[in-house]
Amino acid sequence: MRRSFIERRKLERYIPSSFYSNFSLSIIDDDPRTFREVVDSKDGKLWKEAMVDEMTYLDKNVTWNLVELLDGRKIIRRKWVFKNKMNA
């Protein structure tokens, strides 16, 4: 059986090192990343209120059911993601 071989190479326009050095990126991220940062922040009370509201909403809409974990299955992890809304 014959298979064709196509050589893959990067396009010339992405290779020059000057491409990378001409740009700088500044990111200002004031969003808390951990629960501890939320609690310790100046808006901690507001964050906590928003979390309670979210949990109430999820419970009211019966978003999930707690069940026994079957053998060989993995639990579904959860994570809070905190984002400040700008110009809301």
N, C-alpha and C. Protein backbone atom coordinates (compact mmCIF):
# COMPACT_ATOMS: atom_id res chain seq x y z
N MET A 1 0.84 -1.16 0.00
CA MET A 1 0.00 0.00 0.00
C MET A 1 0.90 1.24 0.00
N ARG A 2 0.54 2.20 -0.77
CA ARG A 2 1.33 3.42 -0.88
C ARG A 2 0.64 4.55 -0.13
N ARG A 3 1.41 5.26 0.66
CA ARG A 3 0.88 6.42 1.38
C ARG A 3 1.65 7.65 0.96
N SER A 4 0.94 8.71 0.73
CA SER A 4 1.63 9.94 0.36
C SER A 4 2.14 10.63 1.62
N PHE A 5 3.22 11.33 1.50
CA PHE A 5 3.81 12.02 2.62
C PHE A 5 3.83 13.50 2.29
N ILE A 6 3.21 14.30 3.18
CA ILE A 6 3.20 15.75 2.99
C ILE A 6 4.05 16.36 4.09
N GLU A 7 5.05 17.10 3.68
CA GLU A 7 5.92 17.76 4.65
C GLU A 7 5.22 18.99 5.20
N ARG A 8 5.09 19.04 6.51
CA ARG A 8 4.46 20.20 7.13
C ARG A 8 5.54 21.16 7.61
N ARG A 9 5.33 22.40 7.32
CA ARG A 9 6.29 23.41 7.77
C ARG A 9 5.53 24.67 8.15
N LYS A 10 6.13 25.46 9.01
CA LYS A 10 5.50 26.69 9.43
C LYS A 10 5.57 27.71 8.31
N LEU A 11 4.52 28.49 8.21
CA LEU A 11 4.50 29.53 7.20
C LEU A 11 5.54 30.59 7.54
N GLU A 12 6.13 31.15 6.54
CA GLU A 12 7.20 32.12 6.70
C GLU A 12 6.78 33.33 7.55
N ARG A 13 5.54 33.74 7.44
CA ARG A 13 5.12 34.95 8.14
C ARG A 13 5.08 34.79 9.66
N TYR A 14 5.09 33.57 10.18
CA TYR A 14 5.05 33.35 11.62
C TYR A 14 6.42 33.06 12.22
N ILE A 15 7.41 32.92 11.42
CA ILE A 15 8.72 32.50 11.90
C ILE A 15 9.60 33.63 12.43
N PRO A 16 9.62 34.79 11.83
CA PRO A 16 10.61 35.80 12.26
C PRO A 16 10.54 36.10 13.76
N SER A 17 11.70 36.12 14.39
CA SER A 17 11.74 36.39 15.82
C SER A 17 11.34 37.83 16.12
N SER A 18 11.50 38.72 15.13
CA SER A 18 11.12 40.12 15.35
C SER A 18 9.61 40.25 15.57
N PHE A 19 8.86 39.28 15.07
CA PHE A 19 7.41 39.28 15.26
C PHE A 19 7.07 39.27 16.74
N TYR A 20 7.79 38.49 17.51
CA TYR A 20 7.52 38.36 18.94
C TYR A 20 8.01 39.56 19.73
N SER A 21 9.10 40.16 19.33
CA SER A 21 9.69 41.24 20.12
C SER A 21 9.03 42.59 19.88
N ASN A 22 8.19 42.70 18.87
CA ASN A 22 7.55 43.99 18.58
C ASN A 22 6.28 44.22 19.38
N PHE A 23 5.83 43.23 20.11
CA PHE A 23 4.59 43.35 20.85
C PHE A 23 4.83 43.07 22.33
N SER A 24 4.10 43.79 23.15
CA SER A 24 4.11 43.47 24.57
C SER A 24 2.67 43.38 25.03
N LEU A 25 2.43 42.56 25.98
CA LEU A 25 1.08 42.32 26.45
C LEU A 25 1.02 42.63 27.93
N SER A 26 0.10 43.48 28.28
CA SER A 26 -0.12 43.82 29.69
C SER A 26 -1.52 43.37 30.06
N ILE A 27 -1.60 42.57 31.07
CA ILE A 27 -2.90 42.08 31.53
C ILE A 27 -3.11 42.56 32.96
N ILE A 28 -4.20 43.25 33.14
CA ILE A 28 -4.58 43.67 34.48
C ILE A 28 -5.76 42.81 34.88
N ASP A 29 -5.53 41.96 35.82
CA ASP A 29 -6.56 41.01 36.22
C ASP A 29 -6.83 41.18 37.71
N ASP A 30 -7.93 41.84 38.02
CA ASP A 30 -8.27 42.06 39.42
C ASP A 30 -9.22 41.01 39.96
N ASP A 31 -9.55 40.03 39.16
CA ASP A 31 -10.47 38.98 39.60
C ASP A 31 -9.78 38.05 40.58
N PRO A 32 -10.47 37.73 41.69
CA PRO A 32 -9.87 36.79 42.64
C PRO A 32 -9.78 35.39 42.04
N ARG A 33 -8.77 34.65 42.41
CA ARG A 33 -8.56 33.31 41.87
C ARG A 33 -8.91 32.20 42.87
N THR A 34 -8.91 32.52 44.14
CA THR A 34 -9.20 31.51 45.15
C THR A 34 -10.30 32.01 46.09
N PHE A 35 -10.88 31.08 46.81
CA PHE A 35 -11.91 31.42 47.79
C PHE A 35 -11.33 32.34 48.86
N ARG A 36 -10.11 32.08 49.27
CA ARG A 36 -9.45 32.91 50.30
C ARG A 36 -9.34 34.36 49.82
N GLU A 37 -8.98 34.56 48.55
CA GLU A 37 -8.88 35.92 48.00
C GLU A 37 -10.25 36.60 48.01
N VAL A 38 -11.30 35.84 47.76
CA VAL A 38 -12.65 36.39 47.76
C VAL A 38 -13.02 36.84 49.16
N VAL A 39 -12.81 35.98 50.15
CA VAL A 39 -13.17 36.29 51.52
C VAL A 39 -12.38 37.48 52.04
N ASP A 40 -11.11 37.57 51.68
CA ASP A 40 -10.24 38.63 52.18
C ASP A 40 -10.36 39.94 51.41
N SER A 41 -11.06 39.94 50.28
CA SER A 41 -11.15 41.15 49.47
C SER A 41 -12.08 42.18 50.11
N LYS A 42 -11.97 43.41 49.63
CA LYS A 42 -12.82 44.48 50.18
C LYS A 42 -14.29 44.24 49.83
N ASP A 43 -14.55 43.52 48.73
CA ASP A 43 -15.92 43.20 48.31
C ASP A 43 -16.33 41.79 48.74
N GLY A 44 -15.68 41.27 49.76
CA GLY A 44 -15.93 39.90 50.21
C GLY A 44 -17.39 39.63 50.53
N LYS A 45 -18.06 40.60 51.14
CA LYS A 45 -19.46 40.42 51.50
C LYS A 45 -20.32 40.29 50.24
N LEU A 46 -20.03 41.09 49.23
CA LEU A 46 -20.79 41.02 47.97
C LEU A 46 -20.55 39.70 47.25
N TRP A 47 -19.28 39.24 47.24
CA TRP A 47 -18.96 37.96 46.60
C TRP A 47 -19.70 36.82 47.29
N LYS A 48 -19.70 36.86 48.62
CA LYS A 48 -20.36 35.80 49.38
C LYS A 48 -21.87 35.79 49.10
N GLU A 49 -22.46 36.97 49.02
CA GLU A 49 -23.88 37.09 48.70
C GLU A 49 -24.17 36.53 47.31
N ALA A 50 -23.30 36.80 46.36
CA ALA A 50 -23.48 36.28 45.00
C ALA A 50 -23.37 34.76 44.98
N MET A 51 -22.46 34.21 45.79
CA MET A 51 -22.30 32.75 45.85
C MET A 51 -23.54 32.09 46.45
N VAL A 52 -24.09 32.70 47.48
CA VAL A 52 -25.31 32.16 48.10
C VAL A 52 -26.46 32.22 47.10
N ASP A 53 -26.58 33.32 46.38
CA ASP A 53 -27.62 33.46 45.36
C ASP A 53 -27.48 32.38 44.28
N GLU A 54 -26.26 32.13 43.87
CA GLU A 54 -26.00 31.12 42.83
C GLU A 54 -26.39 29.73 43.32
N MET A 55 -26.00 29.39 44.54
CA MET A 55 -26.34 28.08 45.08
C MET A 55 -27.85 27.93 45.26
N THR A 56 -28.52 29.00 45.68
CA THR A 56 -29.98 28.98 45.82
C THR A 56 -30.65 28.74 44.47
N TYR A 57 -30.16 29.42 43.45
CA TYR A 57 -30.70 29.26 42.10
C TYR A 57 -30.50 27.83 41.60
N LEU A 58 -29.31 27.27 41.79
CA LEU A 58 -29.02 25.91 41.35
C LEU A 58 -29.88 24.89 42.08
N ASP A 59 -30.08 25.11 43.38
CA ASP A 59 -30.91 24.20 44.18
C ASP A 59 -32.38 24.31 43.77
N LYS A 60 -32.84 25.53 43.56
CA LYS A 60 -34.24 25.77 43.19
C LYS A 60 -34.58 25.09 41.85
N ASN A 61 -33.64 25.08 40.92
CA ASN A 61 -33.85 24.50 39.60
C ASN A 61 -33.48 23.02 39.52
N VAL A 62 -33.19 22.41 40.66
CA VAL A 62 -32.82 21.00 40.74
C VAL A 62 -31.79 20.68 39.65
N THR A 63 -30.67 21.37 39.74
CA THR A 63 -29.61 21.25 38.74
C THR A 63 -28.91 19.90 38.81
N TRP A 64 -28.85 19.31 39.99
CA TRP A 64 -28.19 18.01 40.13
C TRP A 64 -28.88 17.19 41.20
N ASN A 65 -28.56 15.91 41.21
CA ASN A 65 -29.01 14.99 42.26
C ASN A 65 -27.77 14.34 42.86
N LEU A 66 -27.74 14.25 44.17
CA LEU A 66 -26.64 13.55 44.82
C LEU A 66 -26.96 12.06 44.82
N VAL A 67 -26.03 11.27 44.32
CA VAL A 67 -26.21 9.83 44.26
C VAL A 67 -24.95 9.14 44.77
N GLU A 68 -25.06 7.86 45.06
CA GLU A 68 -23.89 7.09 45.49
C GLU A 68 -22.97 6.89 44.28
N LEU A 69 -21.68 6.96 44.52
CA LEU A 69 -20.71 6.78 43.45
C LEU A 69 -20.57 5.29 43.13
N LEU A 70 -20.75 4.95 41.87
CA LEU A 70 -20.63 3.56 41.43
C LEU A 70 -19.16 3.17 41.36
N ASP A 71 -18.88 1.86 41.51
CA ASP A 71 -17.51 1.36 41.42
C ASP A 71 -16.91 1.69 40.07
N GLY A 72 -15.66 2.14 40.07
CA GLY A 72 -14.95 2.42 38.83
C GLY A 72 -15.29 3.76 38.21
N ARG A 73 -16.12 4.57 38.86
CA ARG A 73 -16.50 5.88 38.34
C ARG A 73 -15.76 6.98 39.07
N LYS A 74 -15.59 8.11 38.40
CA LYS A 74 -14.93 9.25 39.01
C LYS A 74 -15.97 10.32 39.34
N ILE A 75 -15.69 11.07 40.39
CA ILE A 75 -16.61 12.13 40.74
C ILE A 75 -16.40 13.32 39.80
N ILE A 76 -17.44 14.10 39.65
CA ILE A 76 -17.35 15.32 38.85
C ILE A 76 -16.91 16.44 39.78
N ARG A 77 -15.78 17.02 39.48
CA ARG A 77 -15.26 18.11 40.31
C ARG A 77 -16.00 19.40 39.99
N ARG A 78 -15.98 20.33 40.92
CA ARG A 78 -16.58 21.63 40.68
C ARG A 78 -15.58 22.69 41.09
N LYS A 79 -15.79 23.88 40.58
CA LYS A 79 -14.87 24.96 40.84
C LYS A 79 -15.61 26.28 40.72
N TRP A 80 -15.38 27.17 41.64
CA TRP A 80 -15.93 28.51 41.52
C TRP A 80 -15.02 29.33 40.62
N VAL A 81 -15.60 30.08 39.72
CA VAL A 81 -14.85 30.99 38.86
C VAL A 81 -15.37 32.39 39.17
N PHE A 82 -14.48 33.24 39.62
CA PHE A 82 -14.86 34.59 40.03
C PHE A 82 -14.47 35.59 38.94
N LYS A 83 -15.44 36.37 38.47
CA LYS A 83 -15.17 37.37 37.44
C LYS A 83 -15.89 38.66 37.82
N ASN A 84 -15.19 39.77 37.70
CA ASN A 84 -15.81 41.08 37.88
C ASN A 84 -16.48 41.48 36.59
N LYS A 85 -17.72 41.95 36.67
CA LYS A 85 -18.42 42.45 35.49
C LYS A 85 -18.10 43.92 35.36
N MET A 86 -17.57 44.29 34.20
CA MET A 86 -17.25 45.69 33.95
C MET A 86 -18.40 46.35 33.20
N ASN A 87 -18.72 47.55 33.56
CA ASN A 87 -19.78 48.33 32.90
C ASN A 87 -21.11 47.59 32.90
N ALA A 88 -21.42 46.90 33.98
CA ALA A 88 -22.67 46.15 34.05
C ALA A 88 -23.83 47.08 34.36
